[in-house]
Amino acid sequence: MLRDGPHMGIVFSMDTTTEDTAAGVRAALAAQKVEVGTLALWLGLSRSSASRKYNGHTPLSIAELRTIGAHLGVDYHTMLP
C-alpha cells in the first residue's frame, strides 16, 4: 500500500510491503557487504533510525530507496517486492 509521506513524497505504509521492501534492501546491502552504520551515513540518519528502516519497522521512502540504489549502483526497483 502506498500513501503520501510528509517529507519525502511517497512512502510505504506499515504492512507486509514495508517488511518485504526492507528484506529487499537487506539483500542488496548484504550482497555488497554494507552494514547498517553505512546505511545510516548514506541516509543521514542515526544508526538506530537506519536500523528501524533496515528491519522493516519504519517505512522507507522512494527517495531513500533511490539513495540506497545510487550508492549500491543498482536501480531501486530491484529492491522492491
PDB file of N, CA and C in Angstrom:
ATOM      1  N   MET A   1       0.839  -1.163   0.000  1.00  0.00           N
ATOM      2  CA  MET A   1       0.000   0.000   0.000  1.00  0.00           C
ATOM      3  C   MET A   1       0.892   1.236   0.000  1.00  0.00           C
ATOM      4  N   LEU A   2       0.541   2.243  -0.761  1.00  0.00           N
ATOM      5  CA  LEU A   2       1.292   3.487  -0.806  1.00  0.00           C
ATOM      6  C   LEU A   2       0.456   4.607  -0.207  1.00  0.00           C
ATOM      7  N   ARG A   3       1.150   5.580   0.387  1.00  0.00           N
ATOM      8  CA  ARG A   3       0.465   6.766   0.873  1.00  0.00           C
ATOM      9  C   ARG A   3       1.419   7.933   0.719  1.00  0.00           C
ATOM     10  N   ASP A   4       0.885   9.145   0.780  1.00  0.00           N
ATOM     11  CA  ASP A   4       1.747  10.317   0.697  1.00  0.00           C
ATOM     12  C   ASP A   4       2.471  10.503   2.009  1.00  0.00           C
ATOM     13  N   GLY A   5       3.766  10.727   1.935  1.00  0.00           N
ATOM     14  CA  GLY A   5       4.572  10.948   3.125  1.00  0.00           C
ATOM     15  C   GLY A   5       4.732  12.432   3.390  1.00  0.00           C
ATOM     16  N   PRO A   6       5.053  12.812   4.616  1.00  0.00           N
ATOM     17  CA  PRO A   6       5.128  14.212   4.979  1.00  0.00           C
ATOM     18  C   PRO A   6       6.339  14.947   4.414  1.00  0.00           C
ATOM     19  N   HIS A   7       7.450  14.234   4.175  1.00  0.00           N
ATOM     20  CA  HIS A   7       8.672  14.930   3.788  1.00  0.00           C
ATOM     21  C   HIS A   7       9.311  14.412   2.516  1.00  0.00           C
ATOM     22  N   MET A   8       9.108  13.171   2.187  1.00  0.00           N
ATOM     23  CA  MET A   8       9.883  12.559   1.117  1.00  0.00           C
ATOM     24  C   MET A   8       9.013  12.030  -0.012  1.00  0.00           C
ATOM     25  N   GLY A   9       7.829  12.541  -0.199  1.00  0.00           N
ATOM     26  CA  GLY A   9       6.987  12.016  -1.263  1.00  0.00           C
ATOM     27  C   GLY A   9       6.296  10.756  -0.818  1.00  0.00           C
ATOM     28  N   ILE A  10       6.288   9.771  -1.669  1.00  0.00           N
ATOM     29  CA  ILE A  10       5.574   8.532  -1.391  1.00  0.00           C
ATOM     30  C   ILE A  10       6.402   7.650  -0.462  1.00  0.00           C
ATOM     31  N   VAL A  11       5.737   7.085   0.535  1.00  0.00           N
ATOM     32  CA  VAL A  11       6.370   6.103   1.409  1.00  0.00           C
ATOM     33  C   VAL A  11       5.491   4.875   1.480  1.00  0.00           C
ATOM     34  N   PHE A  12       6.065   3.773   1.894  1.00  0.00           N
ATOM     35  CA  PHE A  12       5.294   2.561   2.068  1.00  0.00           C
ATOM     36  C   PHE A  12       4.702   2.559   3.465  1.00  0.00           C
ATOM     37  N   SER A  13       3.427   2.213   3.572  1.00  0.00           N
ATOM     38  CA  SER A  13       2.794   2.149   4.879  1.00  0.00           C
ATOM     39  C   SER A  13       3.276   0.911   5.621  1.00  0.00           C
ATOM     40  N   MET A  14       3.013   0.879   6.927  1.00  0.00           N
ATOM     41  CA  MET A  14       3.441  -0.241   7.758  1.00  0.00           C
ATOM     42  C   MET A  14       2.569  -1.455   7.475  1.00  0.00           C
ATOM     43  N   ASP A  15       3.035  -2.315   6.661  1.00  0.00           N
ATOM     44  CA  ASP A  15       2.346  -3.556   6.343  1.00  0.00           C
ATOM     45  C   ASP A  15       3.366  -4.516   5.751  1.00  0.00           C
ATOM     46  N   THR A  16       2.890  -5.561   5.137  1.00  0.00           N
ATOM     47  CA  THR A  16       3.799  -6.544   4.552  1.00  0.00           C
ATOM     48  C   THR A  16       4.718  -5.903   3.520  1.00  0.00           C
ATOM     49  N   THR A  17       4.234  -4.898   2.796  1.00  0.00           N
ATOM     50  CA  THR A  17       5.069  -4.238   1.795  1.00  0.00           C
ATOM     51  C   THR A  17       6.301  -3.618   2.444  1.00  0.00           C
ATOM     52  N   THR A  18       6.138  -2.993   3.602  1.00  0.00           N
ATOM     53  CA  THR A  18       7.271  -2.409   4.312  1.00  0.00           C
ATOM     54  C   THR A  18       8.276  -3.484   4.671  1.00  0.00           C
ATOM     55  N   GLU A  19       7.799  -4.589   5.201  1.00  0.00           N
ATOM     56  CA  GLU A  19       8.684  -5.685   5.582  1.00  0.00           C
ATOM     57  C   GLU A  19       9.362  -6.298   4.366  1.00  0.00           C
ATOM     58  N   ASP A  20       8.609  -6.472   3.286  1.00  0.00           N
ATOM     59  CA  ASP A  20       9.172  -7.051   2.066  1.00  0.00           C
ATOM     60  C   ASP A  20      10.191  -6.114   1.428  1.00  0.00           C
ATOM     61  N   THR A  21       9.923  -4.815   1.456  1.00  0.00           N
ATOM     62  CA  THR A  21      10.870  -3.849   0.912  1.00  0.00           C
ATOM     63  C   THR A  21      12.147  -3.855   1.739  1.00  0.00           C
ATOM     64  N   ALA A  22      12.005  -3.896   3.059  1.00  0.00           N
ATOM     65  CA  ALA A  22      13.183  -3.957   3.924  1.00  0.00           C
ATOM     66  C   ALA A  22      14.001  -5.221   3.628  1.00  0.00           C
ATOM     67  N   ALA A  23      13.322  -6.322   3.365  1.00  0.00           N
ATOM     68  CA  ALA A  23      14.023  -7.564   3.026  1.00  0.00           C
ATOM     69  C   ALA A  23      14.816  -7.390   1.727  1.00  0.00           C
ATOM     70  N   GLY A  24      14.235  -6.706   0.752  1.00  0.00           N
ATOM     71  CA  GLY A  24      14.942  -6.438  -0.498  1.00  0.00           C
ATOM     72  C   GLY A  24      16.153  -5.550  -0.291  1.00  0.00           C
ATOM     73  N   VAL A  25      16.013  -4.556   0.573  1.00  0.00           N
ATOM     74  CA  VAL A  25      17.136  -3.668   0.895  1.00  0.00           C
ATOM     75  C   VAL A  25      18.222  -4.452   1.631  1.00  0.00           C
ATOM     76  N   ARG A  26      17.829  -5.264   2.594  1.00  0.00           N
ATOM     77  CA  ARG A  26      18.813  -6.069   3.324  1.00  0.00           C
ATOM     78  C   ARG A  26      19.594  -6.986   2.377  1.00  0.00           C
ATOM     79  N   ALA A  27      18.888  -7.600   1.433  1.00  0.00           N
ATOM     80  CA  ALA A  27      19.551  -8.491   0.474  1.00  0.00           C
ATOM     81  C   ALA A  27      20.546  -7.715  -0.395  1.00  0.00           C
ATOM     82  N   ALA A  28      20.138  -6.543  -0.864  1.00  0.00           N
ATOM     83  CA  ALA A  28      21.015  -5.731  -1.715  1.00  0.00           C
ATOM     84  C   ALA A  28      22.236  -5.258  -0.935  1.00  0.00           C
ATOM     85  N   LEU A  29      22.029  -4.857   0.326  1.00  0.00           N
ATOM     86  CA  LEU A  29      23.151  -4.419   1.156  1.00  0.00           C
ATOM     87  C   LEU A  29      24.081  -5.586   1.473  1.00  0.00           C
ATOM     88  N   ALA A  30      23.506  -6.730   1.797  1.00  0.00           N
ATOM     89  CA  ALA A  30      24.314  -7.906   2.134  1.00  0.00           C
ATOM     90  C   ALA A  30      25.151  -8.362   0.947  1.00  0.00           C
ATOM     91  N   ALA A  31      24.587  -8.261  -0.242  1.00  0.00           N
ATOM     92  CA  ALA A  31      25.311  -8.688  -1.444  1.00  0.00           C
ATOM     93  C   ALA A  31      26.604  -7.901  -1.629  1.00  0.00           C
ATOM     94  N   GLN A  32      26.611  -6.667  -1.105  1.00  0.00           N
ATOM     95  CA  GLN A  32      27.812  -5.833  -1.226  1.00  0.00           C
ATOM     96  C   GLN A  32      28.494  -5.612   0.128  1.00  0.00           C
ATOM     97  N   LYS A  33      28.074  -6.403   1.118  1.00  0.00           N
ATOM     98  CA  LYS A  33      28.675  -6.362   2.459  1.00  0.00           C
ATOM     99  C   LYS A  33      28.612  -4.969   3.085  1.00  0.00           C
ATOM    100  N   VAL A  34      27.457  -4.314   2.927  1.00  0.00           N
ATOM    101  CA  VAL A  34      27.236  -2.985   3.510  1.00  0.00           C
ATOM    102  C   VAL A  34      26.491  -3.163   4.828  1.00  0.00           C
ATOM    103  N   GLU A  35      26.978  -2.511   5.874  1.00  0.00           N
ATOM    104  CA  GLU A  35      26.385  -2.623   7.198  1.00  0.00           C
ATOM    105  C   GLU A  35      25.438  -1.465   7.495  1.00  0.00           C
ATOM    106  N   VAL A  36      24.673  -1.613   8.558  1.00  0.00           N
ATOM    107  CA  VAL A  36      23.662  -0.613   8.933  1.00  0.00           C
ATOM    108  C   VAL A  36      24.295   0.750   9.193  1.00  0.00           C
ATOM    109  N   GLY A  37      25.479   0.774   9.772  1.00  0.00           N
ATOM    110  CA  GLY A  37      26.144   2.055  10.021  1.00  0.00           C
ATOM    111  C   GLY A  37      26.394   2.834   8.737  1.00  0.00           C
ATOM    112  N   THR A  38      26.759   2.132   7.688  1.00  0.00           N
ATOM    113  CA  THR A  38      26.961   2.778   6.385  1.00  0.00           C
ATOM    114  C   THR A  38      25.637   3.256   5.818  1.00  0.00           C
ATOM    115  N   LEU A  39      24.600   2.436   5.961  1.00  0.00           N
ATOM    116  CA  LEU A  39      23.261   2.842   5.523  1.00  0.00           C
ATOM    117  C   LEU A  39      22.860   4.132   6.232  1.00  0.00           C
ATOM    118  N   ALA A  40      23.123   4.226   7.524  1.00  0.00           N
ATOM    119  CA  ALA A  40      22.795   5.428   8.291  1.00  0.00           C
ATOM    120  C   ALA A  40      23.499   6.658   7.706  1.00  0.00           C
ATOM    121  N   LEU A  41      24.773   6.507   7.367  1.00  0.00           N
ATOM    122  CA  LEU A  41      25.514   7.624   6.768  1.00  0.00           C
ATOM    123  C   LEU A  41      24.907   8.036   5.437  1.00  0.00           C
ATOM    124  N   TRP A  42      24.593   7.055   4.596  1.00  0.00           N
ATOM    125  CA  TRP A  42      24.013   7.349   3.282  1.00  0.00           C
ATOM    126  C   TRP A  42      22.699   8.110   3.403  1.00  0.00           C
ATOM    127  N   LEU A  43      21.884   7.729   4.391  1.00  0.00           N
ATOM    128  CA  LEU A  43      20.552   8.335   4.533  1.00  0.00           C
ATOM    129  C   LEU A  43      20.542   9.547   5.457  1.00  0.00           C
ATOM    130  N   GLY A  44      21.677   9.836   6.089  1.00  0.00           N
ATOM    131  CA  GLY A  44      21.736  10.971   7.005  1.00  0.00           C
ATOM    132  C   GLY A  44      20.908  10.743   8.262  1.00  0.00           C
ATOM    133  N   LEU A  45      20.897   9.503   8.734  1.00  0.00           N
ATOM    134  CA  LEU A  45      20.105   9.122   9.894  1.00  0.00           C
ATOM    135  C   LEU A  45      21.002   8.624  11.010  1.00  0.00           C
ATOM    136  N   SER A  46      20.435   8.571  12.216  1.00  0.00           N
ATOM    137  CA  SER A  46      21.144   7.907  13.305  1.00  0.00           C
ATOM    138  C   SER A  46      21.184   6.413  12.991  1.00  0.00           C
ATOM    139  N   ARG A  47      22.086   5.708  13.649  1.00  0.00           N
ATOM    140  CA  ARG A  47      22.168   4.270  13.428  1.00  0.00           C
ATOM    141  C   ARG A  47      20.867   3.589  13.851  1.00  0.00           C
ATOM    142  N   SER A  48      20.246   4.048  14.933  1.00  0.00           N
ATOM    143  CA  SER A  48      19.003   3.422  15.388  1.00  0.00           C
ATOM    144  C   SER A  48      17.860   3.662  14.404  1.00  0.00           C
ATOM    145  N   SER A  49      17.784   4.859  13.814  1.00  0.00           N
ATOM    146  CA  SER A  49      16.746   5.124  12.803  1.00  0.00           C
ATOM    147  C   SER A  49      16.963   4.278  11.559  1.00  0.00           C
ATOM    148  N   ALA A  50      18.218   4.173  11.136  1.00  0.00           N
ATOM    149  CA  ALA A  50      18.534   3.337   9.968  1.00  0.00           C
ATOM    150  C   ALA A  50      18.215   1.878  10.261  1.00  0.00           C
ATOM    151  N   SER A  51      18.481   1.435  11.478  1.00  0.00           N
ATOM    152  CA  SER A  51      18.202   0.059  11.859  1.00  0.00           C
ATOM    153  C   SER A  51      16.702  -0.234  11.801  1.00  0.00           C
ATOM    154  N   ARG A  52      15.885   0.714  12.227  1.00  0.00           N
ATOM    155  CA  ARG A  52      14.429   0.525  12.158  1.00  0.00           C
ATOM    156  C   ARG A  52      13.967   0.391  10.708  1.00  0.00           C
ATOM    157  N   LYS A  53      14.554   1.153   9.816  1.00  0.00           N
ATOM    158  CA  LYS A  53      14.211   1.038   8.395  1.00  0.00           C
ATOM    159  C   LYS A  53      14.728  -0.287   7.835  1.00  0.00           C
ATOM    160  N   TYR A  54      15.952  -0.636   8.192  1.00  0.00           N
ATOM    161  CA  TYR A  54      16.596  -1.878   7.747  1.00  0.00           C
ATOM    162  C   TYR A  54      15.774  -3.102   8.155  1.00  0.00           C
ATOM    163  N   ASN A  55      15.210  -3.059   9.343  1.00  0.00           N
ATOM    164  CA  ASN A  55      14.437  -4.190   9.866  1.00  0.00           C
ATOM    165  C   ASN A  55      12.950  -4.143   9.520  1.00  0.00           C
ATOM    166  N   GLY A  56      12.514  -3.114   8.797  1.00  0.00           N
ATOM    167  CA  GLY A  56      11.121  -3.039   8.366  1.00  0.00           C
ATOM    168  C   GLY A  56      10.168  -2.501   9.401  1.00  0.00           C
ATOM    169  N   HIS A  57      10.699  -1.872  10.464  1.00  0.00           N
ATOM    170  CA  HIS A  57       9.837  -1.300  11.496  1.00  0.00           C
ATOM    171  C   HIS A  57       9.394   0.114  11.140  1.00  0.00           C
ATOM    172  N   THR A  58      10.156   0.769  10.283  1.00  0.00           N
ATOM    173  CA  THR A  58       9.845   2.114   9.800  1.00  0.00           C
ATOM    174  C   THR A  58       9.911   2.069   8.275  1.00  0.00           C
ATOM    175  N   PRO A  59       8.925   2.636   7.592  1.00  0.00           N
ATOM    176  CA  PRO A  59       8.936   2.560   6.123  1.00  0.00           C
ATOM    177  C   PRO A  59      10.073   3.366   5.488  1.00  0.00           C
ATOM    178  N   LEU A  60      10.508   2.895   4.342  1.00  0.00           N
ATOM    179  CA  LEU A  60      11.489   3.595   3.518  1.00  0.00           C
ATOM    180  C   LEU A  60      10.758   4.403   2.455  1.00  0.00           C
ATOM    181  N   SER A  61      11.202   5.619   2.229  1.00  0.00           N
ATOM    182  CA  SER A  61      10.609   6.425   1.155  1.00  0.00           C
ATOM    183  C   SER A  61      11.255   6.054  -0.177  1.00  0.00           C
ATOM    184  N   ILE A  62      10.610   6.456  -1.250  1.00  0.00           N
ATOM    185  CA  ILE A  62      11.189   6.244  -2.584  1.00  0.00           C
ATOM    186  C   ILE A  62      12.522   6.986  -2.682  1.00  0.00           C
ATOM    187  N   ALA A  63      12.585   8.189  -2.123  1.00  0.00           N
ATOM    188  CA  ALA A  63      13.840   8.949  -2.152  1.00  0.00           C
ATOM    189  C   ALA A  63      14.950   8.181  -1.440  1.00  0.00           C
ATOM    190  N   GLU A  64      14.634   7.553  -0.312  1.00  0.00           N
ATOM    191  CA  GLU A  64      15.637   6.765   0.399  1.00  0.00           C
ATOM    192  C   GLU A  64      16.053   5.546  -0.408  1.00  0.00           C
ATOM    193  N   LEU A  65      15.088   4.885  -1.028  1.00  0.00           N
ATOM    194  CA  LEU A  65      15.418   3.741  -1.881  1.00  0.00           C
ATOM    195  C   LEU A  65      16.304   4.163  -3.047  1.00  0.00           C
ATOM    196  N   ARG A  66      16.018   5.315  -3.627  1.00  0.00           N
ATOM    197  CA  ARG A  66      16.862   5.821  -4.723  1.00  0.00           C
ATOM    198  C   ARG A  66      18.276   6.094  -4.233  1.00  0.00           C
ATOM    199  N   THR A  67      18.402   6.675  -3.045  1.00  0.00           N
ATOM    200  CA  THR A  67      19.720   6.958  -2.470  1.00  0.00           C
ATOM    201  C   THR A  67      20.490   5.658  -2.254  1.00  0.00           C
ATOM    202  N   ILE A  68      19.837   4.671  -1.680  1.00  0.00           N
ATOM    203  CA  ILE A  68      20.485   3.379  -1.442  1.00  0.00           C
ATOM    204  C   ILE A  68      20.913   2.762  -2.772  1.00  0.00           C
ATOM    205  N   GLY A  69      20.009   2.767  -3.739  1.00  0.00           N
ATOM    206  CA  GLY A  69      20.329   2.223  -5.059  1.00  0.00           C
ATOM    207  C   GLY A  69      21.506   2.922  -5.704  1.00  0.00           C
ATOM    208  N   ALA A  70      21.548   4.248  -5.580  1.00  0.00           N
ATOM    209  CA  ALA A  70      22.651   5.007  -6.175  1.00  0.00           C
ATOM    210  C   ALA A  70      23.990   4.611  -5.540  1.00  0.00           C
ATOM    211  N   HIS A  71      24.008   4.451  -4.235  1.00  0.00           N
ATOM    212  CA  HIS A  71      25.244   4.050  -3.553  1.00  0.00           C
ATOM    213  C   HIS A  71      25.654   2.625  -3.906  1.00  0.00           C
ATOM    214  N   LEU A  72      24.668   1.774  -4.130  1.00  0.00           N
ATOM    215  CA  LEU A  72      24.963   0.376  -4.470  1.00  0.00           C
ATOM    216  C   LEU A  72      25.197   0.165  -5.963  1.00  0.00           C
ATOM    217  N   GLY A  73      24.822   1.161  -6.764  1.00  0.00           N
ATOM    218  CA  GLY A  73      24.960   1.021  -8.209  1.00  0.00           C
ATOM    219  C   GLY A  73      23.893   0.131  -8.816  1.00  0.00           C
ATOM    220  N   VAL A  74      22.700   0.109  -8.185  1.00  0.00           N
ATOM    221  CA  VAL A  74      21.578  -0.683  -8.690  1.00  0.00           C
ATOM    222  C   VAL A  74      20.344   0.204  -8.802  1.00  0.00           C
ATOM    223  N   ASP A  75      19.416  -0.185  -9.652  1.00  0.00           N
ATOM    224  CA  ASP A  75      18.147   0.513  -9.757  1.00  0.00           C
ATOM    225  C   ASP A  75      17.318   0.202  -8.521  1.00  0.00           C
ATOM    226  N   TYR A  76      16.714   1.216  -7.921  1.00  0.00           N
ATOM    227  CA  TYR A  76      15.977   0.984  -6.680  1.00  0.00           C
ATOM    228  C   TYR A  76      14.813   0.013  -6.861  1.00  0.00           C
ATOM    229  N   HIS A  77      14.319  -0.111  -8.082  1.00  0.00           N
ATOM    230  CA  HIS A  77      13.209  -1.053  -8.331  1.00  0.00           C
ATOM    231  C   HIS A  77      13.592  -2.491  -8.000  1.00  0.00           C
ATOM    232  N   THR A  78      14.886  -2.797  -8.088  1.00  0.00           N
ATOM    233  CA  THR A  78      15.318  -4.168  -7.813  1.00  0.00           C
ATOM    234  C   THR A  78      15.156  -4.550  -6.345  1.00  0.00           C
ATOM    235  N   MET A  79      14.976  -3.551  -5.485  1.00  0.00           N
ATOM    236  CA  MET A  79      14.797  -3.823  -4.050  1.00  0.00           C
ATOM    237  C   MET A  79      13.333  -3.935  -3.657  1.00  0.00           C
ATOM    238  N   LEU A  80      12.436  -3.623  -4.578  1.00  0.00           N
ATOM    239  CA  LEU A  80      11.009  -3.639  -4.265  1.00  0.00           C
ATOM    240  C   LEU A  80      10.453  -5.053  -4.376  1.00  0.00           C
ATOM    241  N   PRO A  81       9.408  -5.336  -3.570  1.00  0.00           N
ATOM    242  CA  PRO A  81       8.806  -6.679  -3.634  1.00  0.00           C
ATOM    243  C   PRO A  81       8.108  -6.928  -4.957  1.00  0.00           C
TER     244      PRO A  81
END
